[in-house]
Protein backbone atom coordinates (compact mmCIF):
# COMPACT_ATOMS: atom_id res chain seq x y z
CA MET A 1 -53.78 31.49 -52.89
CA ASP A 2 -57.51 28.54 -52.83
CA GLU A 3 -55.65 25.90 -56.23
CA VAL A 4 -51.82 25.27 -56.56
CA ALA A 5 -51.57 25.33 -60.77
CA ALA A 6 -48.87 24.67 -62.04
CA PRO A 7 -46.05 27.33 -63.42
CA THR A 8 -45.86 28.23 -67.17
CA PRO A 9 -42.84 28.33 -67.91
CA THR A 10 -41.29 30.93 -70.31
CA LEU A 11 -38.45 30.12 -72.68
CA ALA A 12 -35.63 32.26 -70.81
CA THR A 13 -31.35 32.08 -70.97
CA ASP A 14 -29.79 30.62 -69.14
CA ALA A 15 -28.80 35.01 -68.21
CA PRO A 16 -28.51 36.04 -64.69
CA SER A 17 -31.52 36.40 -62.94
CA GLY A 18 -32.73 39.87 -61.35
CA VAL A 19 -34.62 38.22 -57.88
CA THR A 20 -32.44 37.41 -55.72
CA ILE A 21 -32.38 34.81 -52.47
CA GLY A 22 -32.65 37.26 -50.19
CA ALA A 23 -35.61 38.41 -51.77
CA VAL A 24 -37.09 35.60 -51.92
CA LEU A 25 -36.49 34.42 -48.32
CA ARG A 26 -38.64 37.62 -47.50
CA GLU A 27 -41.43 36.76 -49.23
CA PRO A 28 -44.45 36.12 -46.49
CA HIS A 29 -44.21 33.32 -44.67
CA VAL A 30 -40.98 31.47 -47.53
CA LEU A 31 -38.00 31.71 -44.16
CA MET A 32 -39.92 30.09 -41.42
CA THR A 33 -42.00 26.78 -43.98
CA LEU A 34 -38.47 26.48 -45.15
CA VAL A 35 -36.58 26.37 -41.83
CA ALA A 36 -39.31 23.71 -40.59
CA SER A 37 -39.08 21.98 -43.60
CA ILE A 38 -35.00 21.43 -43.30
CA VAL A 39 -35.61 21.15 -38.99
CA ALA A 40 -37.87 17.89 -40.49
CA ARG A 41 -35.81 16.40 -43.07
CA LEU A 42 -32.55 16.88 -41.41
CA PRO A 43 -32.32 12.83 -39.73
CA TYR A 44 -32.84 11.86 -43.88
CA GLY A 45 -29.20 12.50 -44.16
CA ALA A 46 -28.15 10.25 -42.03
CA LEU A 47 -31.06 7.54 -41.24
CA SER A 48 -29.78 5.02 -43.61
CA LEU A 49 -26.06 5.67 -42.29
CA LEU A 50 -27.32 5.07 -38.50
CA THR A 51 -29.19 2.46 -40.20
CA VAL A 52 -25.98 1.04 -41.55
CA LEU A 53 -24.10 1.39 -38.05
CA LYS A 54 -27.25 0.18 -35.91
CA VAL A 55 -26.64 -3.32 -38.49
CA THR A 56 -23.20 -3.57 -38.20
CA ASP A 57 -22.79 -2.96 -34.26
CA GLY A 58 -24.91 -5.81 -34.18
CA GLY A 59 -22.08 -8.43 -35.81
CA TYR A 60 -23.49 -8.41 -39.71
CA GLY A 61 -21.01 -7.43 -42.48
CA TYR A 62 -21.99 -4.41 -44.80
CA GLY A 63 -23.53 -6.85 -47.72
CA ALA A 64 -25.81 -7.43 -44.73
CA ALA A 65 -26.88 -3.38 -43.64
CA GLY A 66 -26.11 -2.62 -47.29
CA LEU A 67 -29.86 -5.14 -47.29
CA VAL A 68 -31.18 -3.35 -44.40
CA ALA A 69 -30.68 -0.38 -45.45
CA GLY A 70 -32.00 -0.81 -49.35
CA ALA A 71 -35.29 -2.69 -47.23
CA TYR A 72 -35.50 1.56 -45.68
CA ALA A 73 -34.77 3.30 -49.24
CA ALA A 74 -37.20 1.03 -50.83
CA ALA A 75 -40.25 1.33 -48.34
CA ILE A 76 -40.18 5.28 -48.86
CA ALA A 77 -39.90 4.76 -52.79
CA ILE A 78 -43.09 2.81 -52.54
CA GLY A 79 -44.81 4.78 -49.51
CA LEU A 80 -43.95 8.52 -50.83
CA PRO A 81 -46.38 8.43 -54.03
CA VAL A 82 -48.79 6.62 -52.21
CA LEU A 83 -48.35 8.81 -49.33
CA SER A 84 -48.40 12.17 -52.24
CA ARG A 85 -51.16 11.06 -53.59
CA ILE A 86 -53.46 11.57 -50.73
CA VAL A 87 -51.76 14.97 -50.54
CA ASP A 88 -52.87 15.92 -54.13
CA ARG A 89 -56.96 14.65 -53.40
CA ASP A 90 -56.84 15.51 -49.79
CA GLY A 91 -54.98 18.13 -48.40
CA GLN A 92 -51.18 18.41 -46.22
CA THR A 93 -51.85 19.79 -42.84
CA ARG A 94 -54.29 16.62 -41.40
CA LEU A 95 -51.67 13.60 -43.48
CA LEU A 96 -48.64 15.54 -42.95
CA ARG A 97 -49.47 15.86 -38.35
CA ILE A 98 -50.38 11.58 -38.18
CA THR A 99 -47.46 10.39 -40.84
CA ALA A 100 -45.29 13.11 -38.29
CA LEU A 101 -46.08 10.71 -34.74
CA THR A 102 -45.95 7.43 -37.19
CA GLY A 103 -42.75 8.48 -38.61
CA GLY A 104 -40.91 9.06 -35.09
CA THR A 105 -42.30 6.28 -33.53
CA ALA A 106 -41.32 3.70 -36.43
CA THR A 107 -37.99 5.22 -35.95
CA VAL A 108 -37.80 4.37 -32.47
CA SER A 109 -38.50 0.89 -33.12
CA LEU A 110 -35.70 0.23 -35.50
CA ALA A 111 -33.25 2.72 -32.60
CA LEU A 112 -34.42 -0.08 -29.54
CA LEU A 113 -34.50 -2.95 -31.34
CA PRO A 114 -31.88 -5.20 -29.77
CA GLY A 115 -28.51 -5.85 -31.71
CA ASP A 116 -28.65 -9.35 -31.98
CA SER A 117 -31.65 -9.69 -33.57
CA PRO A 118 -32.86 -11.92 -36.49
CA LEU A 119 -31.30 -9.68 -39.71
CA VAL A 120 -34.61 -10.35 -41.00
CA VAL A 121 -36.56 -8.27 -37.80
CA TYR A 122 -34.29 -5.95 -39.26
CA VAL A 123 -35.62 -5.73 -42.74
CA LEU A 124 -39.18 -5.73 -41.25
CA LEU A 125 -38.38 -2.53 -39.25
CA ALA A 126 -36.74 -0.65 -41.96
CA LEU A 127 -39.79 -1.30 -43.85
CA VAL A 128 -41.87 -0.27 -41.92
CA ASN A 129 -39.75 2.49 -40.70
CA GLY A 130 -39.59 3.93 -44.08
CA ALA A 131 -43.14 3.83 -45.19
CA LEU A 132 -44.86 5.58 -42.31
CA GLN A 133 -42.48 8.99 -43.13
CA PRO A 134 -44.28 11.86 -44.25
CA PRO A 135 -43.99 13.22 -47.92
CA LEU A 136 -41.68 16.23 -47.20
CA GLY A 137 -40.21 16.63 -50.10
CA GLY A 138 -43.42 16.35 -52.28
CA VAL A 139 -45.05 18.82 -49.74
CA MET A 140 -42.14 21.37 -49.98
CA ARG A 141 -42.22 21.06 -54.15
CA ALA A 142 -45.88 22.00 -54.05
CA LEU A 143 -45.59 24.85 -51.26
CA TRP A 144 -43.11 27.21 -52.85
CA ASP A 145 -45.40 27.19 -56.04
CA GLN A 146 -47.73 28.83 -53.77
CA MET A 147 -45.69 31.15 -51.71
CA LEU A 148 -44.33 32.09 -55.14
CA ARG A 149 -45.53 33.24 -57.37
CA ARG A 150 -43.67 34.37 -60.60
CA ASP A 151 -41.54 31.41 -62.90
CA ASP A 152 -38.17 33.05 -62.19
CA GLN A 153 -38.59 33.92 -58.19
CA ARG A 154 -39.96 30.00 -57.97
CA HIS A 155 -37.03 29.58 -59.87
CA VAL A 156 -34.53 30.50 -56.83
CA GLY A 157 -36.98 28.59 -54.52
CA TYR A 158 -36.69 25.27 -55.99
CA SER A 159 -32.87 26.44 -55.77
CA LEU A 160 -32.79 27.08 -52.01
CA ASP A 161 -34.91 23.87 -51.88
CA ALA A 162 -32.04 22.04 -52.89
CA ILE A 163 -29.46 24.10 -50.98
CA ALA A 164 -31.57 22.97 -47.91
CA VAL A 165 -31.50 19.44 -48.83
CA GLU A 166 -27.43 19.40 -49.28
CA PHE A 167 -27.54 21.95 -45.63
CA VAL A 168 -30.02 18.24 -44.36
CA PHE A 169 -27.18 16.12 -45.68
CA THR A 170 -24.52 18.75 -44.83
CA GLY A 171 -25.57 18.52 -40.76
CA GLY A 172 -27.35 15.27 -40.51
CA PRO A 173 -24.46 13.27 -41.00
CA LEU A 174 -22.16 15.92 -39.06
CA VAL A 175 -24.44 15.90 -36.05
CA LEU A 176 -26.66 12.84 -35.87
CA VAL A 177 -23.21 10.53 -36.82
CA GLY A 178 -20.31 12.91 -36.79
CA GLY A 179 -21.43 13.96 -33.20
CA VAL A 180 -24.52 12.03 -30.96
CA ALA A 181 -23.27 8.16 -32.92
CA ALA A 182 -19.85 9.16 -32.81
CA LEU A 183 -19.79 10.63 -28.95
CA THR A 184 -22.63 8.12 -27.17
CA SER A 185 -24.43 5.74 -29.82
CA PRO A 186 -26.44 4.68 -32.59
CA THR A 187 -29.59 4.06 -31.17
CA THR A 188 -29.31 6.99 -29.47
CA ALA A 189 -28.69 9.17 -32.46
CA MET A 190 -31.65 7.49 -34.13
CA LEU A 191 -34.35 8.35 -31.26
CA VAL A 192 -32.85 12.21 -31.48
CA ALA A 193 -33.77 11.87 -35.05
CA ALA A 194 -37.24 11.04 -34.75
CA ALA A 195 -37.38 14.02 -32.52
CA LEU A 196 -36.54 15.90 -35.17
CA THR A 197 -39.29 14.44 -38.18
CA THR A 198 -41.86 14.29 -35.66
CA VAL A 199 -41.37 18.11 -34.21
CA GLY A 200 -40.37 19.73 -37.23
CA THR A 201 -43.29 17.91 -39.04
CA LEU A 202 -45.62 18.80 -36.90
CA VAL A 203 -44.37 22.98 -37.32
CA LEU A 204 -44.65 22.44 -40.73
CA ALA A 205 -48.23 21.39 -40.44
CA SER A 206 -48.92 24.28 -38.91
CA ARG A 207 -47.48 26.59 -41.02
CA PRO A 208 -50.39 29.27 -42.41
CA PRO A 209 -49.34 27.93 -46.43
CA SER A 210 -49.74 24.65 -44.96
CA ARG A 211 -52.88 24.95 -43.75
CA ALA A 212 -54.00 27.09 -46.91
CA TRP A 213 -52.88 24.66 -50.04
CA LYS A 214 -55.68 23.55 -50.75
CA PRO A 215 -56.28 20.06 -53.02
CA SER A 216 -57.01 21.40 -57.21
CA THR A 217 -60.29 20.90 -58.06
CA GLU A 218 -59.23 18.72 -61.37
CA GLN A 219 -58.94 15.11 -60.11
CA HIS A 220 -57.72 12.27 -61.59
CA SER A 221 -58.79 8.43 -61.17
CA SER A 222 -55.55 6.99 -63.47
CA PHE A 223 -54.05 3.73 -61.34
CA PHE A 224 -50.84 4.90 -62.78
CA GLY A 225 -51.76 8.74 -62.35
CA ALA A 226 -48.71 11.34 -62.35
CA LEU A 227 -46.89 8.19 -64.29
CA ARG A 228 -48.59 8.58 -67.36
CA SER A 229 -46.85 11.67 -68.25
CA PRO A 230 -43.73 11.36 -70.64
CA GLY A 231 -41.94 14.25 -68.74
CA VAL A 232 -41.87 12.45 -64.87
CA GLN A 233 -40.65 9.35 -66.42
CA THR A 234 -37.79 10.78 -68.08
CA LEU A 235 -36.93 13.13 -64.61
CA MET A 236 -36.95 9.69 -62.90
CA VAL A 237 -34.72 8.45 -64.60
CA ALA A 238 -32.24 11.73 -64.07
CA ALA A 239 -33.32 10.49 -60.62
CA LEU A 240 -32.58 6.98 -60.35
CA GLY A 241 -28.90 7.60 -61.19
CA LEU A 242 -28.40 10.64 -58.40
CA GLY A 243 -30.22 7.26 -56.21
CA GLY A 244 -27.39 4.51 -57.28
CA MET A 245 -24.91 7.38 -57.23
CA PHE A 246 -26.13 8.64 -53.06
CA GLY A 247 -26.34 4.71 -51.86
CA THR A 248 -22.85 3.61 -53.66
CA ILE A 249 -20.55 6.89 -51.68
CA GLU A 250 -22.64 6.52 -48.65
CA LEU A 251 -21.73 3.10 -48.05
CA GLY A 252 -18.64 3.78 -48.92
CA LEU A 253 -17.37 6.31 -47.43
CA THR A 254 -19.01 3.91 -44.43
CA ALA A 255 -16.81 1.58 -44.47
CA TYR A 256 -14.00 3.98 -45.35
CA GLY A 257 -14.68 5.66 -42.31
CA ARG A 258 -14.93 2.20 -40.07
CA GLU A 259 -11.19 1.32 -41.77
CA GLU A 260 -10.02 4.67 -41.05
CA GLY A 261 -10.71 3.49 -37.49
CA GLU A 262 -12.29 7.66 -37.16
CA LEU A 263 -16.10 7.53 -37.15
CA GLY A 264 -16.30 10.87 -37.22
CA LEU A 265 -15.08 10.69 -40.51
CA VAL A 266 -18.22 9.49 -42.57
CA GLY A 267 -19.99 12.59 -41.44
CA ALA A 268 -17.24 15.29 -42.41
CA LEU A 269 -16.98 13.78 -45.49
CA ILE A 270 -20.63 13.42 -46.17
CA ALA A 271 -20.62 17.32 -45.16
CA ILE A 272 -17.74 18.00 -47.18
CA TRP A 273 -19.60 16.37 -49.89
CA SER A 274 -22.55 18.12 -48.99
CA ILE A 275 -21.50 21.80 -49.14
CA GLY A 276 -20.39 20.95 -53.08
CA SER A 277 -23.33 20.94 -53.49
CA MET A 278 -24.86 23.81 -51.62
CA LEU A 279 -22.27 25.80 -53.81
CA GLY A 280 -23.55 24.61 -56.65
CA GLY A 281 -27.17 25.58 -56.15
CA PHE A 282 -25.88 29.11 -54.81
CA ALA A 283 -24.41 29.02 -58.47
CA ILE A 284 -27.97 27.56 -60.11
CA ALA A 285 -29.71 30.63 -57.97
CA ARG A 286 -28.22 33.44 -60.17
CA VAL A 287 -29.52 31.83 -63.96
CA ARG A 288 -32.53 31.81 -65.23
CA PRO A 289 -34.67 28.48 -65.70
CA ALA A 290 -33.34 26.26 -68.47
CA SER A 291 -34.73 26.72 -71.62
CA ARG A 292 -33.74 23.78 -72.06
CA PRO A 293 -33.86 21.58 -69.08
CA GLY A 294 -32.77 18.05 -70.58
CA HIS A 295 -29.65 19.61 -71.95
CA ARG A 296 -28.63 20.72 -68.83
CA ILE A 297 -29.60 17.70 -66.60
CA ALA A 298 -27.89 15.39 -69.07
CA GLY A 299 -25.03 17.64 -68.75
CA ILE A 300 -24.06 17.80 -64.86
CA LEU A 301 -24.85 14.07 -64.66
CA LEU A 302 -22.06 13.65 -66.45
CA ALA A 303 -19.70 15.55 -65.31
CA MET A 304 -21.57 14.16 -61.77
CA ALA A 305 -19.98 10.51 -62.73
CA GLY A 306 -16.36 12.09 -63.84
CA ALA A 307 -15.42 13.35 -60.97
CA ASN A 308 -16.74 10.18 -59.41
CA LEU A 309 -14.09 7.91 -61.24
CA LEU A 310 -12.23 9.38 -59.46
CA LEU A 311 -12.93 9.01 -55.71
CA GLY A 312 -11.76 5.39 -55.53
CA LEU A 313 -7.83 6.70 -56.56
CA THR A 314 -7.39 8.74 -53.09
CA THR A 315 -5.05 7.89 -50.96
CA SER A 316 -6.20 10.17 -47.99
CA PRO A 317 -9.11 12.25 -46.28
CA TRP A 318 -8.25 15.18 -47.75
CA ALA A 319 -7.55 14.21 -50.85
CA LEU A 320 -11.22 12.00 -50.55
CA GLY A 321 -12.68 15.37 -49.45
CA ALA A 322 -11.31 17.87 -52.11
CA VAL A 323 -12.48 15.35 -55.06
CA LEU A 324 -15.98 15.16 -53.18
CA ALA A 325 -16.88 18.70 -53.03
CA VAL A 326 -15.87 19.03 -56.86
CA ALA A 327 -18.25 15.83 -57.49
CA GLY A 328 -21.01 16.81 -55.05
CA ALA A 329 -21.31 20.09 -56.90
CA GLY A 330 -23.31 18.78 -59.49
CA ILE A 331 -26.53 18.16 -56.79
CA ALA A 332 -28.17 21.01 -56.03
CA PRO A 333 -27.83 22.49 -59.47
CA THR A 334 -29.92 18.35 -60.66
CA MET A 335 -32.82 18.57 -58.58
CA ALA A 336 -33.23 22.52 -59.15
CA THR A 337 -33.33 22.05 -62.24
CA ALA A 338 -36.18 18.56 -62.37
CA ASN A 339 -38.03 20.44 -60.33
CA GLY A 340 -38.20 23.61 -62.35
CA ALA A 341 -39.00 21.15 -65.40
CA MET A 342 -41.52 18.88 -62.73
CA GLY A 343 -44.50 22.00 -62.69
CA SER A 344 -44.33 21.87 -66.36
CA VAL A 345 -44.49 17.94 -67.00
CA ALA A 346 -46.68 16.68 -64.17
CA PRO A 347 -50.54 16.19 -64.90
CA PRO A 348 -52.78 19.21 -64.00
CA GLY A 349 -53.82 18.61 -60.27
CA MET A 350 -50.72 16.14 -59.50
CA LEU A 351 -47.62 17.85 -58.80
CA THR A 352 -47.07 16.60 -55.68
CA GLU A 353 -47.50 12.78 -56.79
CA ALA A 354 -45.69 13.54 -60.12
CA PHE A 355 -42.48 15.07 -57.19
CA GLY A 356 -42.86 11.60 -55.06
CA TRP A 357 -42.28 9.84 -57.45
CA THR A 358 -38.67 11.61 -58.31
CA LEU A 359 -38.34 11.22 -54.77
CA ALA A 360 -39.33 7.48 -54.88
CA SER A 361 -37.32 6.83 -57.56
CA ILE A 362 -33.91 8.22 -55.63
CA MET A 363 -35.21 5.75 -53.10
CA ILE A 364 -35.52 2.95 -55.70
CA GLY A 365 -31.67 3.67 -57.39
CA SER A 366 -30.03 3.50 -53.40
CA THR A 367 -32.01 0.12 -52.87
CA VAL A 368 -30.55 -1.32 -55.46
CA ILE A 369 -27.05 0.04 -55.37
CA ALA A 370 -27.02 -0.05 -51.36
CA PRO A 371 -26.26 -4.30 -51.16
CA LEU A 372 -24.57 -4.55 -54.17
CA ALA A 373 -22.56 -1.40 -53.31
CA GLY A 374 -21.95 -3.44 -50.31
CA LEU A 375 -21.09 -6.40 -51.89
CA VAL A 376 -18.46 -4.78 -53.68
CA VAL A 377 -16.92 -3.21 -50.47
CA ASP A 378 -17.12 -7.27 -48.73
CA HIS A 379 -15.34 -8.78 -51.45
CA ALA A 380 -13.48 -6.12 -53.35
CA SER A 381 -12.52 -3.45 -52.05
CA VAL A 382 -13.67 0.36 -50.61
CA GLN A 383 -12.03 2.04 -53.09
CA ALA A 384 -14.18 0.25 -55.97
CA ALA A 385 -16.87 1.03 -54.67
CA LEU A 386 -16.08 4.37 -53.82
CA SER A 387 -15.29 4.08 -57.92
CA ALA A 388 -18.60 2.40 -59.18
CA SER A 389 -20.38 5.31 -58.38
CA ALA A 390 -19.80 7.24 -61.90
CA VAL A 391 -21.64 4.37 -63.52
CA PRO A 392 -25.36 5.43 -62.20
CA PRO A 393 -25.07 9.00 -62.93
CA ALA A 394 -23.34 8.10 -66.40
CA LEU A 395 -26.62 5.95 -67.06
CA GLY A 396 -28.77 8.42 -65.45
CA ALA A 397 -27.03 11.22 -67.86
CA ALA A 398 -27.77 8.62 -71.08
CA GLY A 399 -31.34 8.33 -70.65
CA VAL A 400 -32.45 11.54 -69.65
CA TRP A 401 -30.76 13.01 -73.08
CA LEU A 402 -32.46 10.68 -75.51
CA ARG A 403 -35.58 11.36 -73.41
CA ARG A 404 -34.85 15.07 -73.69
CA ARG A 405 -37.45 16.19 -75.71
CA THR A 406 -40.26 15.19 -73.18
CA ILE A 407 -39.38 17.85 -70.49
CA ALA A 408 -39.01 20.74 -72.49
CA PRO A 409 -40.87 23.35 -71.90
CA ARG A 410 -44.48 23.65 -72.61
CA ALA A 411 -44.27 26.76 -74.00
CA ALA A 412 -42.08 25.58 -76.50
């Protein structure tokens, strides 16, 4: 396939799909390409947490740690759309190879920073680290459209990718935070993360789908690019809600683990949260693409907001884990539905950039919320910060509902 065209949505109901996950994984190159992307993205679920641990180990408070983690997320939010636009213009392979090296090197630099360094140095290196990471999410979103030919296959593929992301947010914290960092140090864990990003991205760049992927012949010179699409803007609203939720819960759980004196508990709780999302991803893969994606996304975000309110009322790690599993069940379905809708709303030739903007919005949401969540922990309590995680998805649900018609399938 020389060009990647956006899929044409069908007006399907939410009845069970006849395409299975196993059938999609047996399609040429799908399994190994997905595995390479998982390895490359595995640190994504842990780098914000490791950054918080690195800063607090240097003697700073959680407010300062949230500021550094927010700088990292902000740099990703700026860098992702820029790098994704380059992919849409020039192709994937060369840029993936370059950013595999720059991203790994930047993470190593932050890892080796002396603990007593000034806070401004932490912030600057976090900015560099975020800006130089490879745009793996947008690249994989484009590859699904190339590897799978039919809408029902793509829907399962998007669900698989959402499940993979949750595996990343399960395995990353569990291995790098609860394992490597707990047994050695956050510095060592960040060095391992750098190696995973570099090796996984280089392998992904060498896979046939990535090497065969060609930019669309329909190019645009607009400064705003994919942002001019109202549908892309609406999906960014949903992503902002997710990002704010992620930033609040991740920082709150890190503080909770420190209060309990069990650093390994942080990785375990985030793993439970992500397992709930993975189960939601398997469930959404069994139904057809939503005929009204705006309704589905808004409804799931609102349900997550309700579950998140209960997080601050828990009194034990077991109860917190149970609520996290329920609260996380909507993450992968939201992402899978948004991924499917993106093919309908992204301007021609700008699919990678459009997805880059939604991922950037997740980071922006985390950037805005993480320092605020840290201040709530410092001046109120961990429980208050965890309950406040209900606010971002509730606002996201309201925004998507008001703009739901902008992401209706074109065939409608």
